[in-house]
């Protein structure tokens, strides 16, 4: 006879076993082999676990891709609105600070932000400054000094405190104390 059966638990250690047996025809023997159930299905269980993990990850990726694609446009529009509100809020705050604040683009050294206090200090409107370099706004000698300070600041990568006099475009010579940041 040939066959197999699953035990409820071994008398030796209580482990469930799959027992396979076979009678050898030419001999008066029956060969019996047993494996613990967890040993028998260990490789199958591991492979099954890997398949479940891969399937789960792929499902999540697909769902995220679908969800991202449909909400991406909506989220992008919301982000743009929030960005615009944040910029407007920042400009409102900067415009009400009583100290001149201006920002330049580090590559081209063009003014990109000028607050109201700067307009009063320099004697020119922000529209006359934004998008221009110091050479387009200030007298040549003063513009050369500003450009030299800008170059030195960009090379040092450290903030610089300055106390000096400056020639403004329309308000004459003014004394300033400035902090310049990169």
Protein backbone atom coordinates (compact mmCIF):
# COMPACT_ATOMS: atom_id res chain seq x y z
CA UNK A 1 0.00 0.00 0.00
CA UNK A 2 0.97 3.63 -0.58
CA UNK A 3 -0.51 6.70 1.05
CA UNK A 4 -0.20 9.58 3.50
CA UNK A 5 -2.02 11.00 6.45
CA UNK A 6 -1.84 14.05 8.71
CA UNK A 7 -1.53 13.49 12.44
CA UNK A 8 -3.21 15.63 15.04
CA UNK A 9 -0.03 15.78 17.02
CA UNK A 10 2.94 13.58 17.68
CA UNK A 11 3.14 11.66 20.91
CA UNK A 12 6.78 12.75 21.11
CA UNK A 13 6.51 16.55 20.90
CA UNK A 14 2.90 17.39 20.02
CA UNK A 15 3.80 18.63 16.49
CA UNK A 16 1.42 17.90 13.62
CA UNK A 17 3.11 15.75 11.00
CA UNK A 18 2.40 14.59 7.46
CA UNK A 19 3.34 10.95 7.22
CA UNK A 20 3.91 9.30 3.86
CA UNK A 21 4.34 5.54 3.51
CA UNK A 22 5.02 3.03 0.77
CA UNK A 23 5.48 -0.72 0.66
CA UNK A 24 8.52 -1.90 -1.17
CA UNK A 25 7.30 -4.82 -3.35
CA UNK A 26 10.39 -6.98 -3.36
CA UNK A 27 10.95 -6.68 0.38
CA UNK A 28 8.75 -7.20 3.38
CA UNK A 29 9.21 -3.51 4.31
CA UNK A 30 7.07 -0.44 4.47
CA UNK A 31 9.05 2.85 4.25
CA UNK A 32 7.55 5.64 6.24
CA UNK A 33 8.67 9.32 6.13
CA UNK A 34 7.25 12.13 8.19
CA UNK A 35 7.73 15.88 8.14
CA UNK A 36 6.40 18.43 10.58
CA UNK A 37 3.59 20.39 9.01
CA UNK A 38 5.38 23.72 9.47
CA UNK A 39 8.51 22.31 7.75
CA UNK A 40 6.48 20.95 4.88
CA UNK A 41 4.68 24.23 4.18
CA UNK A 42 7.49 26.61 5.19
CA UNK A 43 8.63 27.37 1.63
CA UNK A 44 5.04 27.62 0.41
CA UNK A 45 4.17 29.99 3.28
CA UNK A 46 7.21 32.18 2.57
CA UNK A 47 6.39 32.36 -1.16
CA UNK A 48 2.77 33.12 -0.35
CA UNK A 49 3.85 35.91 2.01
CA UNK A 50 6.07 37.42 -0.70
CA UNK A 51 3.20 37.28 -3.20
CA UNK A 52 0.87 39.00 -0.71
CA UNK A 53 3.41 41.73 -0.02
CA UNK A 54 4.09 42.35 -3.72
CA UNK A 55 0.36 42.36 -4.52
CA UNK A 56 -0.31 44.79 -1.65
CA UNK A 57 2.45 47.15 -2.70
CA UNK A 58 1.31 47.12 -6.33
CA UNK A 59 -2.28 47.76 -5.25
CA UNK A 60 -1.20 50.73 -3.13
CA UNK A 61 0.90 52.12 -5.99
CA UNK A 62 -2.00 51.79 -8.42
CA UNK A 63 -4.42 53.42 -6.01
CA UNK A 64 -2.02 56.25 -5.25
CA UNK A 65 -1.38 56.81 -8.94
CA UNK A 66 -5.08 56.93 -9.71
CA UNK A 67 -5.78 59.12 -6.70
CA UNK A 68 -2.85 61.40 -7.42
CA UNK A 69 -3.87 61.79 -11.05
CA UNK A 70 -7.43 62.79 -10.25
CA UNK A 71 -6.64 65.07 -7.33
CA UNK A 72 -3.39 66.47 -8.70
CA UNK A 73 -5.05 69.22 -10.73
CA UNK A 74 -7.36 70.14 -7.88
CA UNK A 75 -4.50 70.15 -5.37
CA UNK A 76 -2.30 72.17 -7.72
CA UNK A 77 -4.99 74.82 -8.05
CA UNK A 78 -5.43 74.91 -4.26
CA UNK A 79 -1.66 75.21 -3.80
CA UNK A 80 -1.55 78.12 -6.23
CA UNK A 81 -4.32 79.91 -4.35
CA UNK A 82 -2.57 79.29 -1.03
CA UNK A 83 0.76 80.48 -2.48
CA UNK A 84 -0.85 83.67 -3.75
CA UNK A 85 -2.51 84.30 -0.37
CA UNK A 86 0.78 83.70 1.45
CA UNK A 87 2.64 86.06 -0.88
CA UNK A 88 -0.02 88.74 -0.42
CA UNK A 89 0.16 88.29 3.35
CA UNK A 90 3.97 88.58 3.31
CA UNK A 91 3.85 91.70 1.13
CA UNK A 92 1.28 93.27 3.46
CA UNK A 93 3.52 92.66 6.46
CA UNK A 94 6.64 93.92 4.68
CA UNK A 95 4.85 97.04 3.47
CA UNK A 96 3.91 97.98 7.02
CA UNK A 97 7.38 97.50 8.51
CA UNK A 98 8.76 101.02 9.09
CA UNK A 99 12.28 99.96 8.05
CA UNK A 100 13.45 99.88 4.41
CA UNK A 101 13.58 96.28 3.16
CA UNK A 102 14.58 95.27 -0.33
CA UNK A 103 15.48 91.93 -1.91
CA UNK A 104 17.70 91.28 -4.91
CA UNK A 105 18.02 88.25 -7.16
CA UNK A 106 21.43 86.73 -6.34
CA UNK A 107 22.30 85.88 -9.96
CA UNK A 108 21.45 89.08 -11.80
CA UNK A 109 21.44 91.43 -8.77
CA UNK A 110 18.11 92.90 -9.79
CA UNK A 111 15.66 94.20 -7.23
CA UNK A 112 12.72 91.80 -6.83
CA UNK A 113 11.03 93.20 -3.72
CA UNK A 114 10.90 96.75 -2.32
CA UNK A 115 8.70 97.76 0.62
CA UNK A 116 6.99 101.15 1.21
CA UNK A 117 9.63 102.30 3.69
CA UNK A 118 12.28 101.75 0.98
CA UNK A 119 10.27 103.87 -1.45
CA UNK A 120 10.22 106.72 1.08
CA UNK A 121 13.89 106.28 1.97
CA UNK A 122 15.19 106.17 -1.62
CA UNK A 123 12.71 108.71 -2.91
CA UNK A 124 11.57 106.53 -5.83
CA UNK A 125 8.71 104.10 -6.35
CA UNK A 126 9.13 100.35 -6.26
CA UNK A 127 8.01 100.24 -9.89
CA UNK A 128 11.13 102.24 -10.74
CA UNK A 129 13.35 99.75 -8.85
CA UNK A 130 11.88 96.26 -9.32
CA UNK A 131 13.55 94.36 -12.14
CA UNK A 132 16.48 96.81 -12.31
CA UNK A 133 20.08 96.66 -11.12
CA UNK A 134 21.69 99.26 -8.88
CA UNK A 135 23.36 100.77 -11.99
CA UNK A 136 19.90 101.43 -13.46
CA UNK A 137 18.63 103.10 -10.27
CA UNK A 138 21.53 104.90 -8.56
CA UNK A 139 24.15 107.41 -9.67
CA UNK A 140 27.17 105.66 -11.22
CA UNK A 141 29.57 106.13 -8.31
CA UNK A 142 27.03 104.88 -5.76
CA UNK A 143 25.99 101.99 -8.04
CA UNK A 144 29.64 100.88 -8.30
CA UNK A 145 29.94 100.87 -4.49
CA UNK A 146 26.70 98.87 -4.15
CA UNK A 147 27.78 96.36 -6.81
CA UNK A 148 31.16 95.91 -5.09
CA UNK A 149 29.43 95.30 -1.72
CA UNK A 150 27.05 92.83 -3.38
CA UNK A 151 29.95 90.91 -4.93
CA UNK A 152 31.81 90.78 -1.62
CA UNK A 153 28.66 89.62 0.17
CA UNK A 154 28.00 86.83 -2.34
CA UNK A 155 31.58 85.56 -2.06
CA UNK A 156 31.57 85.50 1.75
CA UNK A 157 28.23 83.69 2.32
CA UNK A 158 27.90 85.57 5.63
CA UNK A 159 25.74 88.46 6.68
CA UNK A 160 27.39 91.89 6.67
CA UNK A 161 26.66 94.86 8.95
CA UNK A 162 27.34 98.22 7.38
CA UNK A 163 27.26 101.79 8.71
CA UNK A 164 27.81 104.40 6.03
CA UNK A 165 26.39 107.22 4.00
CA UNK A 166 24.64 106.56 0.73
CA UNK A 167 23.52 108.81 -2.11
CA UNK A 168 19.86 108.13 -2.83
CA UNK A 169 18.31 108.74 -6.26
CA UNK A 170 16.04 111.60 -5.06
CA UNK A 171 16.53 112.15 -1.31
CA UNK A 172 20.19 113.16 -1.30
CA UNK A 173 22.79 111.76 1.08
CA UNK A 174 21.43 109.57 3.89
CA UNK A 175 23.21 107.82 6.79
CA UNK A 176 22.36 104.14 7.09
CA UNK A 177 23.04 101.11 9.23
CA UNK A 178 22.30 97.99 7.23
CA UNK A 179 22.37 94.24 7.57
CA UNK A 180 22.85 92.44 4.28
CA UNK A 181 22.12 88.72 4.01
CA UNK A 182 22.78 86.10 1.37
